[in-house]
């Protein structure tokens, strides 16, 4: 389009119609500026689309990080619960061993000696 405007301006200038030539040159410049503005607008739209996609990726990563934190908290709670259960089981086992080590009343060596003296 700007080429045909340039040819028209040249033709108008050659015919001595300088006002028309200047107007066609101005129109050609306006078309060039419009095309440049369109290109900048397309670039801005592309950059905005990339930014929106990056924002979505960032949001997805934040959501995944939060889910990972929740999973880690659950795993920590489960580990603490398992530790508490292990400690309780060890305590019960220690109590059972201690109770097994204590002789029944009347079954120790003194009781047997006293029984033999009485007999």
PDB file of N, CA and C in Angstrom:
ATOM      1  N   UNK A   1       0.824  -1.191   0.000  1.00  0.00           N
ATOM      2  CA  UNK A   1       0.000   0.000   0.000  1.00  0.00           C
ATOM      3  C   UNK A   1       0.862   1.246   0.000  1.00  0.00           C
ATOM      4  N   UNK A   2       1.911   1.256   0.819  1.00  0.00           N
ATOM      5  CA  UNK A   2       2.744   2.454   0.865  1.00  0.00           C
ATOM      6  C   UNK A   2       3.486   2.646  -0.455  1.00  0.00           C
ATOM      7  N   UNK A   3       3.749   1.544  -1.184  1.00  0.00           N
ATOM      8  CA  UNK A   3       4.418   1.668  -2.492  1.00  0.00           C
ATOM      9  C   UNK A   3       3.511   2.390  -3.482  1.00  0.00           C
ATOM     10  N   UNK A   4       2.226   2.007  -3.505  1.00  0.00           N
ATOM     11  CA  UNK A   4       1.297   2.678  -4.431  1.00  0.00           C
ATOM     12  C   UNK A   4       1.091   4.136  -4.026  1.00  0.00           C
ATOM     13  N   UNK A   5       1.117   4.412  -2.709  1.00  0.00           N
ATOM     14  CA  UNK A   5       1.018   5.808  -2.261  1.00  0.00           C
ATOM     15  C   UNK A   5       2.243   6.590  -2.714  1.00  0.00           C
ATOM     16  N   UNK A   6       3.401   5.956  -2.637  1.00  0.00           N
ATOM     17  CA  UNK A   6       4.639   6.594  -3.075  1.00  0.00           C
ATOM     18  C   UNK A   6       4.612   6.889  -4.557  1.00  0.00           C
ATOM     19  N   UNK A   7       4.107   5.930  -5.335  1.00  0.00           N
ATOM     20  CA  UNK A   7       4.014   6.151  -6.783  1.00  0.00           C
ATOM     21  C   UNK A   7       3.022   7.272  -7.093  1.00  0.00           C
ATOM     22  N   UNK A   8       1.893   7.286  -6.360  1.00  0.00           N
ATOM     23  CA  UNK A   8       0.896   8.345  -6.565  1.00  0.00           C
ATOM     24  C   UNK A   8       1.456   9.701  -6.197  1.00  0.00           C
ATOM     25  N   UNK A   9       2.230   9.765  -5.085  1.00  0.00           N
ATOM     26  CA  UNK A   9       2.844  11.034  -4.672  1.00  0.00           C
ATOM     27  C   UNK A   9       3.842  11.493  -5.729  1.00  0.00           C
ATOM     28  N   UNK A  10       4.623  10.580  -6.247  1.00  0.00           N
ATOM     29  CA  UNK A  10       5.605  10.926  -7.282  1.00  0.00           C
ATOM     30  C   UNK A  10       4.910  11.458  -8.540  1.00  0.00           C
ATOM     31  N   UNK A  11       3.834  10.760  -8.910  1.00  0.00           N
ATOM     32  CA  UNK A  11       3.077  11.183 -10.098  1.00  0.00           C
ATOM     33  C   UNK A  11       2.461  12.560  -9.867  1.00  0.00           C
ATOM     34  N   UNK A  12       1.856  12.773  -8.668  1.00  0.00           N
ATOM     35  CA  UNK A  12       1.236  14.072  -8.367  1.00  0.00           C
ATOM     36  C   UNK A  12       2.294  15.158  -8.342  1.00  0.00           C
ATOM     37  N   UNK A  13       3.468  14.899  -7.815  1.00  0.00           N
ATOM     38  CA  UNK A  13       4.545  15.891  -7.766  1.00  0.00           C
ATOM     39  C   UNK A  13       4.997  16.228  -9.184  1.00  0.00           C
ATOM     40  N   UNK A  14       5.115  15.187  -9.995  1.00  0.00           N
ATOM     41  CA  UNK A  14       5.555  15.397 -11.377  1.00  0.00           C
ATOM     42  C   UNK A  14       4.544  16.237 -12.149  1.00  0.00           C
ATOM     43  N   UNK A  15       3.279  16.138 -11.806  1.00  0.00           N
ATOM     44  CA  UNK A  15       2.245  16.914 -12.479  1.00  0.00           C
ATOM     45  C   UNK A  15       2.087  18.298 -11.869  1.00  0.00           C
ATOM     46  N   UNK A  16       2.867  18.579 -10.831  1.00  0.00           N
ATOM     47  CA  UNK A  16       2.829  19.881 -10.210  1.00  0.00           C
ATOM     48  C   UNK A  16       1.790  20.009  -9.105  1.00  0.00           C
ATOM     49  N   UNK A  17       1.118  18.931  -8.764  1.00  0.00           N
ATOM     50  CA  UNK A  17       0.109  18.956  -7.700  1.00  0.00           C
ATOM     51  C   UNK A  17       0.818  18.613  -6.374  1.00  0.00           C
ATOM     52  N   UNK A  18       1.531  19.613  -5.883  1.00  0.00           N
ATOM     53  CA  UNK A  18       2.365  19.407  -4.692  1.00  0.00           C
ATOM     54  C   UNK A  18       1.540  19.136  -3.438  1.00  0.00           C
ATOM     55  N   UNK A  19       0.386  19.726  -3.320  1.00  0.00           N
ATOM     56  CA  UNK A  19      -0.472  19.504  -2.145  1.00  0.00           C
ATOM     57  C   UNK A  19      -0.922  18.058  -2.067  1.00  0.00           C
ATOM     58  N   UNK A  20      -1.322  17.511  -3.202  1.00  0.00           N
ATOM     59  CA  UNK A  20      -1.743  16.105  -3.228  1.00  0.00           C
ATOM     60  C   UNK A  20      -0.560  15.199  -2.948  1.00  0.00           C
ATOM     61  N   UNK A  21       0.605  15.547  -3.512  1.00  0.00           N
ATOM     62  CA  UNK A  21       1.811  14.745  -3.280  1.00  0.00           C
ATOM     63  C   UNK A  21       2.151  14.722  -1.793  1.00  0.00           C
ATOM     64  N   UNK A  22       2.097  15.897  -1.164  1.00  0.00           N
ATOM     65  CA  UNK A  22       2.383  15.960   0.283  1.00  0.00           C
ATOM     66  C   UNK A  22       1.352  15.157   1.079  1.00  0.00           C
ATOM     67  N   UNK A  23       0.093  15.252   0.679  1.00  0.00           N
ATOM     68  CA  UNK A  23      -0.963  14.510   1.388  1.00  0.00           C
ATOM     69  C   UNK A  23      -0.749  13.004   1.234  1.00  0.00           C
ATOM     70  N   UNK A  24      -0.366  12.563   0.044  1.00  0.00           N
ATOM     71  CA  UNK A  24      -0.124  11.127  -0.168  1.00  0.00           C
ATOM     72  C   UNK A  24       1.104  10.652   0.609  1.00  0.00           C
ATOM     73  N   UNK A  25       2.135  11.489   0.667  1.00  0.00           N
ATOM     74  CA  UNK A  25       3.322  11.147   1.466  1.00  0.00           C
ATOM     75  C   UNK A  25       2.947  11.060   2.953  1.00  0.00           C
ATOM     76  N   UNK A  26       2.167  12.021   3.424  1.00  0.00           N
ATOM     77  CA  UNK A  26       1.700  11.983   4.827  1.00  0.00           C
ATOM     78  C   UNK A  26       0.868  10.743   5.097  1.00  0.00           C
ATOM     79  N   UNK A  27       0.008  10.380   4.142  1.00  0.00           N
ATOM     80  CA  UNK A  27      -0.801   9.176   4.292  1.00  0.00           C
ATOM     81  C   UNK A  27       0.089   7.928   4.321  1.00  0.00           C
ATOM     82  N   UNK A  28       1.121   7.926   3.485  1.00  0.00           N
ATOM     83  CA  UNK A  28       2.075   6.800   3.490  1.00  0.00           C
ATOM     84  C   UNK A  28       2.771   6.672   4.832  1.00  0.00           C
ATOM     85  N   UNK A  29       3.210   7.816   5.391  1.00  0.00           N
ATOM     86  CA  UNK A  29       3.846   7.793   6.721  1.00  0.00           C
ATOM     87  C   UNK A  29       2.873   7.299   7.781  1.00  0.00           C
ATOM     88  N   UNK A  30       1.619   7.737   7.678  1.00  0.00           N
ATOM     89  CA  UNK A  30       0.612   7.290   8.646  1.00  0.00           C
ATOM     90  C   UNK A  30       0.400   5.780   8.539  1.00  0.00           C
ATOM     91  N   UNK A  31       0.409   5.266   7.308  1.00  0.00           N
ATOM     92  CA  UNK A  31       0.252   3.806   7.126  1.00  0.00           C
ATOM     93  C   UNK A  31       1.435   3.049   7.737  1.00  0.00           C
ATOM     94  N   UNK A  32       2.632   3.601   7.545  1.00  0.00           N
ATOM     95  CA  UNK A  32       3.827   2.964   8.123  1.00  0.00           C
ATOM     96  C   UNK A  32       3.736   2.983   9.652  1.00  0.00           C
ATOM     97  N   UNK A  33       3.349   4.130  10.229  1.00  0.00           N
ATOM     98  CA  UNK A  33       3.225   4.217  11.692  1.00  0.00           C
ATOM     99  C   UNK A  33       2.136   3.275  12.202  1.00  0.00           C
ATOM    100  N   UNK A  34       1.039   3.164  11.445  1.00  0.00           N
ATOM    101  CA  UNK A  34      -0.039   2.257  11.820  1.00  0.00           C
ATOM    102  C   UNK A  34       0.431   0.803  11.795  1.00  0.00           C
ATOM    103  N   UNK A  35       1.184   0.448  10.777  1.00  0.00           N
ATOM    104  CA  UNK A  35       1.712  -0.913  10.691  1.00  0.00           C
ATOM    105  C   UNK A  35       2.667  -1.194  11.859  1.00  0.00           C
ATOM    106  N   UNK A  36       3.504  -0.206  12.187  1.00  0.00           N
ATOM    107  CA  UNK A  36       4.424  -0.367  13.323  1.00  0.00           C
ATOM    108  C   UNK A  36       3.643  -0.504  14.625  1.00  0.00           C
ATOM    109  N   UNK A  37       2.589   0.294  14.762  1.00  0.00           N
ATOM    110  CA  UNK A  37       1.763   0.202  15.977  1.00  0.00           C
ATOM    111  C   UNK A  37       1.077  -1.161  16.057  1.00  0.00           C
ATOM    112  N   UNK A  38       0.603  -1.666  14.912  1.00  0.00           N
ATOM    113  CA  UNK A  38      -0.013  -3.000  14.892  1.00  0.00           C
ATOM    114  C   UNK A  38       0.996  -4.066  15.309  1.00  0.00           C
ATOM    115  N   UNK A  39       2.213  -3.949  14.812  1.00  0.00           N
ATOM    116  CA  UNK A  39       3.259  -4.915  15.173  1.00  0.00           C
ATOM    117  C   UNK A  39       3.553  -4.853  16.667  1.00  0.00           C
ATOM    118  N   UNK A  40       3.633  -3.626  17.215  1.00  0.00           N
ATOM    119  CA  UNK A  40       3.872  -3.490  18.657  1.00  0.00           C
ATOM    120  C   UNK A  40       2.708  -4.066  19.454  1.00  0.00           C
ATOM    121  N   UNK A  41       1.477  -3.850  18.971  1.00  0.00           N
ATOM    122  CA  UNK A  41       0.297  -4.393  19.665  1.00  0.00           C
ATOM    123  C   UNK A  41       0.310  -5.916  19.635  1.00  0.00           C
ATOM    124  N   UNK A  42       0.694  -6.493  18.491  1.00  0.00           N
ATOM    125  CA  UNK A  42       0.786  -7.954  18.409  1.00  0.00           C
ATOM    126  C   UNK A  42       1.854  -8.488  19.353  1.00  0.00           C
ATOM    127  N   UNK A  43       2.985  -7.799  19.423  1.00  0.00           N
ATOM    128  CA  UNK A  43       4.054  -8.206  20.334  1.00  0.00           C
ATOM    129  C   UNK A  43       3.591  -8.095  21.788  1.00  0.00           C
ATOM    130  N   UNK A  44       2.892  -7.016  22.095  1.00  0.00           N
ATOM    131  CA  UNK A  44       2.382  -6.840  23.458  1.00  0.00           C
ATOM    132  C   UNK A  44       1.379  -7.947  23.797  1.00  0.00           C
ATOM    133  N   UNK A  45       0.532  -8.312  22.846  1.00  0.00           N
ATOM    134  CA  UNK A  45      -0.435  -9.394  23.084  1.00  0.00           C
ATOM    135  C   UNK A  45       0.290 -10.719  23.292  1.00  0.00           C
ATOM    136  N   UNK A  46       1.346 -10.963  22.513  1.00  0.00           N
ATOM    137  CA  UNK A  46       2.125 -12.197  22.676  1.00  0.00           C
ATOM    138  C   UNK A  46       2.793 -12.241  24.048  1.00  0.00           C
ATOM    139  N   UNK A  47       3.385 -11.119  24.453  1.00  0.00           N
ATOM    140  CA  UNK A  47       4.042 -11.050  25.764  1.00  0.00           C
ATOM    141  C   UNK A  47       3.008 -11.228  26.878  1.00  0.00           C
ATOM    142  N   UNK A  48       1.842 -10.624  26.710  1.00  0.00           N
ATOM    143  CA  UNK A  48       0.784 -10.771  27.725  1.00  0.00           C
ATOM    144  C   UNK A  48       0.328 -12.223  27.816  1.00  0.00           C
ATOM    145  N   UNK A  49       0.218 -12.905  26.677  1.00  0.00           N
ATOM    146  CA  UNK A  49      -0.177 -14.315  26.692  1.00  0.00           C
ATOM    147  C   UNK A  49       0.893 -15.168  27.374  1.00  0.00           C
ATOM    148  N   UNK A  50       2.158 -14.867  27.089  1.00  0.00           N
ATOM    149  CA  UNK A  50       3.245 -15.591  27.761  1.00  0.00           C
ATOM    150  C   UNK A  50       3.220 -15.336  29.265  1.00  0.00           C
ATOM    151  N   UNK A  51       2.960 -14.092  29.653  1.00  0.00           N
ATOM    152  CA  UNK A  51       2.897 -13.755  31.085  1.00  0.00           C
ATOM    153  C   UNK A  51       1.737 -14.484  31.752  1.00  0.00           C
ATOM    154  N   UNK A  52       0.605 -14.565  31.073  1.00  0.00           N
ATOM    155  CA  UNK A  52      -0.551 -15.280  31.636  1.00  0.00           C
ATOM    156  C   UNK A  52      -0.234 -16.759  31.788  1.00  0.00           C
ATOM    157  N   UNK A  53       0.430 -17.336  30.786  1.00  0.00           N
ATOM    158  CA  UNK A  53       0.806 -18.750  30.876  1.00  0.00           C
ATOM    159  C   UNK A  53       1.798 -18.967  32.019  1.00  0.00           C
ATOM    160  N   UNK A  54       2.743 -18.060  32.170  1.00  0.00           N
ATOM    161  CA  UNK A  54       3.725 -18.167  33.258  1.00  0.00           C
ATOM    162  C   UNK A  54       3.042 -18.028  34.616  1.00  0.00           C
ATOM    163  N   UNK A  55       2.070 -17.135  34.691  1.00  0.00           N
ATOM    164  CA  UNK A  55       1.326 -16.966  35.940  1.00  0.00           C
ATOM    165  C   UNK A  55       0.556 -18.241  36.276  1.00  0.00           C
ATOM    166  N   UNK A  56      -0.022 -18.878  35.275  1.00  0.00           N
ATOM    167  CA  UNK A  56      -0.725 -20.139  35.514  1.00  0.00           C
ATOM    168  C   UNK A  56       0.243 -21.215  35.989  1.00  0.00           C
ATOM    169  N   UNK A  57       1.429 -21.284  35.356  1.00  0.00           N
ATOM    170  CA  UNK A  57       2.434 -22.262  35.798  1.00  0.00           C
ATOM    171  C   UNK A  57       2.856 -21.976  37.226  1.00  0.00           C
ATOM    172  N   UNK A  58       3.042 -20.702  37.540  1.00  0.00           N
ATOM    173  CA  UNK A  58       3.436 -20.323  38.894  1.00  0.00           C
ATOM    174  C   UNK A  58       2.360 -20.714  39.902  1.00  0.00           C
ATOM    175  N   UNK A  59       1.115 -20.463  39.547  1.00  0.00           N
ATOM    176  CA  UNK A  59       0.006 -20.830  40.440  1.00  0.00           C
ATOM    177  C   UNK A  59      -0.040 -22.339  40.628  1.00  0.00           C
ATOM    178  N   UNK A  60       0.162 -23.082  39.556  1.00  0.00           N
ATOM    179  CA  UNK A  60       0.160 -24.543  39.650  1.00  0.00           C
ATOM    180  C   UNK A  60       1.293 -25.019  40.565  1.00  0.00           C
ATOM    181  N   UNK A  61       2.457 -24.392  40.447  1.00  0.00           N
ATOM    182  CA  UNK A  61       3.588 -24.762  41.311  1.00  0.00           C
ATOM    183  C   UNK A  61       3.302 -24.417  42.771  1.00  0.00           C
ATOM    184  N   UNK A  62       2.675 -23.265  43.002  1.00  0.00           N
ATOM    185  CA  UNK A  62       2.322 -22.888  44.373  1.00  0.00           C
ATOM    186  C   UNK A  62       1.317 -23.878  44.956  1.00  0.00           C
ATOM    187  N   UNK A  63       0.342 -24.281  44.139  1.00  0.00           N
ATOM    188  CA  UNK A  63      -0.657 -25.251  44.592  1.00  0.00           C
ATOM    189  C   UNK A  63       0.010 -26.579  44.910  1.00  0.00           C
ATOM    190  N   UNK A  64       0.938 -27.010  44.044  1.00  0.00           N
ATOM    191  CA  UNK A  64       1.648 -28.272  44.289  1.00  0.00           C
ATOM    192  C   UNK A  64       2.507 -28.170  45.546  1.00  0.00           C
ATOM    193  N   UNK A  65       3.154 -27.027  45.732  1.00  0.00           N
ATOM    194  CA  UNK A  65       3.982 -26.838  46.930  1.00  0.00           C
ATOM    195  C   UNK A  65       3.125 -26.906  48.187  1.00  0.00           C
ATOM    196  N   UNK A  66       1.949 -26.311  48.146  1.00  0.00           N
ATOM    197  CA  UNK A  66       1.047 -26.373  49.309  1.00  0.00           C
ATOM    198  C   UNK A  66       0.612 -27.814  49.558  1.00  0.00           C
ATOM    199  N   UNK A  67       0.299 -28.537  48.500  1.00  0.00           N
ATOM    200  CA  UNK A  67      -0.091 -29.946  48.655  1.00  0.00           C
ATOM    201  C   UNK A  67       1.072 -30.749  49.230  1.00  0.00           C
ATOM    202  N   UNK A  68       2.289 -30.454  48.788  1.00  0.00           N
ATOM    203  CA  UNK A  68       3.467 -31.142  49.327  1.00  0.00           C
ATOM    204  C   UNK A  68       3.653 -30.816  50.807  1.00  0.00           C
ATOM    205  N   UNK A  69       3.412 -29.557  51.195  1.00  0.00           N
ATOM    206  CA  UNK A  69       3.525 -29.186  52.615  1.00  0.00           C
ATOM    207  C   UNK A  69       2.488 -29.934  53.446  1.00  0.00           C
ATOM    208  N   UNK A  70       1.263 -30.039  52.931  1.00  0.00           N
ATOM    209  CA  UNK A  70       0.214 -30.772  53.645  1.00  0.00           C
ATOM    210  C   UNK A  70       0.612 -32.236  53.784  1.00  0.00           C
ATOM    211  N   UNK A  71       1.135 -32.831  52.695  1.00  0.00           N
ATOM    212  CA  UNK A  71       1.579 -34.230  52.755  1.00  0.00           C
ATOM    213  C   UNK A  71       2.702 -34.398  53.772  1.00  0.00           C
ATOM    214  N   UNK A  72       3.640 -33.452  53.786  1.00  0.00           N
ATOM    215  CA  UNK A  72       4.747 -33.523  54.738  1.00  0.00           C
ATOM    216  C   UNK A  72       4.240 -33.405  56.171  1.00  0.00           C
ATOM    217  N   UNK A  73       3.269 -32.507  56.390  1.00  0.00           N
ATOM    218  CA  UNK A  73       2.692 -32.378  57.730  1.00  0.00           C
ATOM    219  C   UNK A  73       2.012 -33.670  58.155  1.00  0.00           C
ATOM    220  N   UNK A  74       1.274 -34.299  57.229  1.00  0.00           N
ATOM    221  CA  UNK A  74       0.611 -35.572  57.538  1.00  0.00           C
ATOM    222  C   UNK A  74       1.631 -36.659  57.836  1.00  0.00           C
ATOM    223  N   UNK A  75       2.691 -36.700  57.036  1.00  0.00           N
ATOM    224  CA  UNK A  75       3.733 -37.705  57.257  1.00  0.00           C
ATOM    225  C   UNK A  75       4.405 -37.481  58.605  1.00  0.00           C
ATOM    226  N   UNK A  76       4.644 -36.220  58.956  1.00  0.00           N
ATOM    227  CA  UNK A  76       5.241 -35.920  60.264  1.00  0.00           C
ATOM    228  C   UNK A  76       4.332 -36.342  61.409  1.00  0.00           C
ATOM    229  N   UNK A  77       3.031 -36.067  61.253  1.00  0.00           N
ATOM    230  CA  UNK A  77       2.077 -36.466  62.292  1.00  0.00           C
ATOM    231  C   UNK A  77       2.023 -37.986  62.407  1.00  0.00           C
ATOM    232  N   UNK A  78       2.045 -38.674  61.284  1.00  0.00           N
ATOM    233  CA  UNK A  78       2.023 -40.142  61.308  1.00  0.00           C
ATOM    234  C   UNK A  78       3.292 -40.681  61.961  1.00  0.00           C
ATOM    235  N   UNK A  79       4.430 -40.055  61.689  1.00  0.00           N
ATOM    236  CA  UNK A  79       5.684 -40.494  62.307  1.00  0.00           C
ATOM    237  C   UNK A  79       5.658 -40.265  63.809  1.00  0.00           C
ATOM    238  N   UNK A  80       5.120 -39.119  64.227  1.00  0.00           N
ATOM    239  CA  UNK A  80       5.029 -38.866  65.681  1.00  0.00           C
ATOM    240  C   UNK A  80       4.089 -39.865  66.345  1.00  0.00           C
ATOM    241  N   UNK A  81       2.988 -40.178  65.676  1.00  0.00           N
ATOM    242  CA  UNK A  81       2.040 -41.156  66.224  1.00  0.00           C
ATOM    243  C   UNK A  81       2.692 -42.536  66.302  1.00  0.00           C
ATOM    244  N   UNK A  82       3.443 -42.911  65.282  1.00  0.00           N
ATOM    245  CA  UNK A  82       4.136 -44.204  65.297  1.00  0.00           C
ATOM    246  C   UNK A  82       5.172 -44.235  66.413  1.00  0.00           C
ATOM    247  N   UNK A  83       5.885 -43.123  66.620  1.00  0.00           N
ATOM    248  CA  UNK A  83       6.862 -43.055  67.721  1.00  0.00           C
ATOM    249  C   UNK A  83       6.175 -43.224  69.071  1.00  0.00           C
ATOM    250  N   UNK A  84       5.018 -42.569  69.223  1.00  0.00           N
ATOM    251  CA  UNK A  84       4.287 -42.685  70.486  1.00  0.00           C
ATOM    252  C   UNK A  84       3.810 -44.121  70.698  1.00  0.00           C
ATOM    253  N   UNK A  85       3.314 -44.761  69.641  1.00  0.00           N
ATOM    254  CA  UNK A  85       2.865 -46.153  69.754  1.00  0.00           C
ATOM    255  C   UNK A  85       4.036 -47.082  70.063  1.00  0.00           C
ATOM    256  N   UNK A  86       5.189 -46.847  69.443  1.00  0.00           N
ATOM    257  CA  UNK A  86       6.384 -47.650  69.708  1.00  0.00           C
ATOM    258  C   UNK A  86       6.818 -47.488  71.159  1.00  0.00           C
ATOM    259  N   UNK A  87       6.816 -46.245  71.649  1.00  0.00           N
ATOM    260  CA  UNK A  87       7.204 -45.997  73.041  1.00  0.00           C
ATOM    261  C   UNK A  87       6.231 -46.677  74.002  1.00  0.00           C
ATOM    262  N   UNK A  88       4.935 -46.627  73.695  1.00  0.00           N
ATOM    263  CA  UNK A  88       3.947 -47.292  74.554  1.00  0.00           C
ATOM    264  C   UNK A  88       4.154 -48.803  74.532  1.00  0.00           C
ATOM    265  N   UNK A  89       4.450 -49.373  73.371  1.00  0.00           N
ATOM    266  CA  UNK A  89       4.689 -50.814  73.286  1.00  0.00           C
ATOM    267  C   UNK A  89       5.942 -51.195  74.053  1.00  0.00           C
ATOM    268  N   UNK A  90       6.991 -50.383  73.939  1.00  0.00           N
ATOM    269  CA  UNK A  90       8.217 -50.653  74.707  1.00  0.00           C
ATOM    270  C   UNK A  90       7.938 -50.568  76.204  1.00  0.00           C
ATOM    271  N   UNK A  91       7.122 -49.617  76.614  1.00  0.00           N
ATOM    272  CA  UNK A  91       6.778 -49.477  78.030  1.00  0.00           C
ATOM    273  C   UNK A  91       6.006 -50.692  78.520  1.00  0.00           C
ATOM    274  N   UNK A  92       5.041 -51.166  77.717  1.00  0.00           N
ATOM    275  CA  UNK A  92       4.278 -52.358  78.105  1.00  0.00           C
ATOM    276  C   UNK A  92       5.187 -53.583  78.193  1.00  0.00           C
ATOM    277  N   UNK A  93       6.125 -53.691  77.256  1.00  0.00           N
ATOM    278  CA  UNK A  93       7.055 -54.827  77.272  1.00  0.00           C
ATOM    279  C   UNK A  93       7.958 -54.761  78.497  1.00  0.00           C
ATOM    280  N   UNK A  94       8.426 -53.571  78.836  1.00  0.00           N
ATOM    281  CA  UNK A  94       9.283 -53.414  80.017  1.00  0.00           C
ATOM    282  C   UNK A  94       8.507 -53.748  81.282  1.00  0.00           C
ATOM    283  N   UNK A  95       7.244 -53.324  81.336  1.00  0.00           N
ATOM    284  CA  UNK A  95       6.401 -53.639  82.503  1.00  0.00           C
ATOM    285  C   UNK A  95       6.200 -55.140  82.611  1.00  0.00           C
ATOM    286  N   UNK A  96       5.953 -55.783  81.496  1.00  0.00           N
ATOM    287  CA  UNK A  96       5.756 -57.238  81.512  1.00  0.00           C
ATOM    288  C   UNK A  96       7.024 -57.954  81.943  1.00  0.00           C
ATOM    289  N   UNK A  97       8.199 -57.508  81.473  1.00  0.00           N
ATOM    290  CA  UNK A  97       9.466 -58.131  81.894  1.00  0.00           C
ATOM    291  C   UNK A  97       9.693 -57.926  83.378  1.00  0.00           C
ATOM    292  N   UNK A  98       9.374 -56.721  83.883  1.00  0.00           N
ATOM    293  CA  UNK A  98       9.564 -56.448  85.306  1.00  0.00           C
ATOM    294  C   UNK A  98       8.630 -57.308  86.145  1.00  0.00           C
ATOM    295  N   UNK A  99       7.396 -57.460  85.703  1.00  0.00           N
ATOM    296  CA  UNK A  99       6.453 -58.285  86.447  1.00  0.00           C
ATOM    297  C   UNK A  99       6.869 -59.740  86.418  1.00  0.00           C
ATOM    298  N   UNK A 100       7.447 -60.189  85.326  1.00  0.00           N
ATOM    299  CA  UNK A 100       7.898 -61.582  85.226  1.00  0.00           C
ATOM    300  C   UNK A 100       9.104 -61.833  86.116  1.00  0.00           C
ATOM    301  N   UNK A 101       9.906 -60.817  86.350  1.00  0.00           N
ATOM    302  CA  UNK A 101      11.102 -60.970  87.171  1.00  0.00           C
ATOM    303  C   UNK A 101      10.790 -61.000  88.662  1.00  0.00           C
ATOM    304  N   UNK A 102       9.655 -60.495  89.089  1.00  0.00           N
ATOM    305  CA  UNK A 102       9.289 -60.473  90.513  1.00  0.00           C
ATOM    306  C   UNK A 102       8.696 -61.841  90.869  1.00  0.00           C
ATOM    307  N   UNK A 103       9.240 -62.533  91.888  1.00  0.00           N
ATOM    308  CA  UNK A 103       8.724 -63.866  92.242  1.00  0.00           C
ATOM    309  C   UNK A 103       7.340 -63.771  92.891  1.00  0.00           C
ATOM    310  N   UNK A 104       6.593 -64.789  92.705  1.00  0.00           N
ATOM    311  CA  UNK A 104       5.281 -64.883  93.340  1.00  0.00           C
ATOM    312  C   UNK A 104       5.478 -64.956  94.852  1.00  0.00           C
ATOM    313  N   UNK A 105       4.566 -64.387  95.638  1.00  0.00           N
ATOM    314  CA  UNK A 105       4.709 -64.497  97.105  1.00  0.00           C
ATOM    315  C   UNK A 105       4.677 -65.973  97.500  1.00  0.00           C
ATOM    316  N   UNK A 106       5.627 -66.350  98.344  1.00  0.00           N
ATOM    317  CA  UNK A 106       5.721 -67.718  98.839  1.00  0.00           C
ATOM    318  C   UNK A 106       6.475 -68.652  97.926  1.00  0.00           C
ATOM    319  N   UNK A 107       7.093 -68.142  96.852  1.00  0.00           N
ATOM    320  CA  UNK A 107       7.807 -69.032  95.946  1.00  0.00           C
ATOM    321  C   UNK A 107       9.310 -68.793  95.967  1.00  0.00           C
ATOM    322  N   UNK A 108       9.803 -67.821  96.706  1.00  0.00           N
ATOM    323  CA  UNK A 108      11.216 -67.505  96.752  1.00  0.00           C
ATOM    324  C   UNK A 108      11.976 -68.464  97.665  1.00  0.00           C
ATOM    325  N   UNK A 109      13.329 -68.389  97.705  1.00  0.00           N
ATOM    326  CA  UNK A 109      14.148 -69.301  98.529  1.00  0.00           C
ATOM    327  C   UNK A 109      13.884 -69.139 100.016  1.00  0.00           C
ATOM    328  N   UNK A 110      13.591 -67.945 100.495  1.00  0.00           N
ATOM    329  CA  UNK A 110      13.293 -67.758 101.921  1.00  0.00           C
ATOM    330  C   UNK A 110      11.997 -68.453 102.300  1.00  0.00           C
ATOM    331  N   UNK A 111      11.034 -68.328 101.417  1.00  0.00           N
ATOM    332  CA  UNK A 111       9.758 -68.972 101.684  1.00  0.00           C
ATOM    333  C   UNK A 111       9.942 -70.486 101.711  1.00  0.00           C
ATOM    334  N   UNK A 112      10.775 -71.014 100.824  1.00  0.00           N
ATOM    335  CA  UNK A 112      10.980 -72.451 100.805  1.00  0.00           C
ATOM    336  C   UNK A 112      11.723 -72.887 102.060  1.00  0.00           C
ATOM    337  N   UNK A 113      12.672 -72.069 102.545  1.00  0.00           N
ATOM    338  CA  UNK A 113      13.401 -72.406 103.780  1.00  0.00           C
ATOM    339  C   UNK A 113      12.456 -72.373 104.958  1.00  0.00           C
ATOM    340  N   UNK A 114      11.578 -71.366 104.980  1.00  0.00           N
ATOM    341  CA  UNK A 114      10.631 -71.283 106.086  1.00  0.00           C
ATOM    342  C   UNK A 114       9.668 -72.455 106.039  1.00  0.00           C
ATOM    343  N   UNK A 115       9.279 -72.886 104.897  1.00  0.00           N
ATOM    344  CA  UNK A 115       8.391 -74.041 104.769  1.00  0.00           C
ATOM    345  C   UNK A 115       9.094 -75.309 105.252  1.00  0.00           C
ATOM    346  N   UNK A 116      10.386 -75.457 104.963  1.00  0.00           N
ATOM    347  CA  UNK A 116      11.094 -76.645 105.398  1.00  0.00           C
ATOM    348  C   UNK A 116      11.312 -76.627 106.893  1.00  0.00           C
ATOM    349  N   UNK A 117      11.480 -75.479 107.517  1.00  0.00           N
ATOM    350  CA  UNK A 117      11.634 -75.378 108.968  1.00  0.00           C
ATOM    351  C   UNK A 117      10.308 -75.759 109.636  1.00  0.00           C
ATOM    352  N   UNK A 118       9.239 -75.329 109.101  1.00  0.00           N
ATOM    353  CA  UNK A 118       7.926 -75.613 109.674  1.00  0.00           C
ATOM    354  C   UNK A 118       7.601 -77.092 109.554  1.00  0.00           C
ATOM    355  N   UNK A 119       8.132 -77.710 108.570  1.00  0.00           N
ATOM    356  CA  UNK A 119       7.778 -79.120 108.361  1.00  0.00           C
ATOM    357  C   UNK A 119       8.547 -79.993 109.237  1.00  0.00           C
TER     358      UNK A 119
END
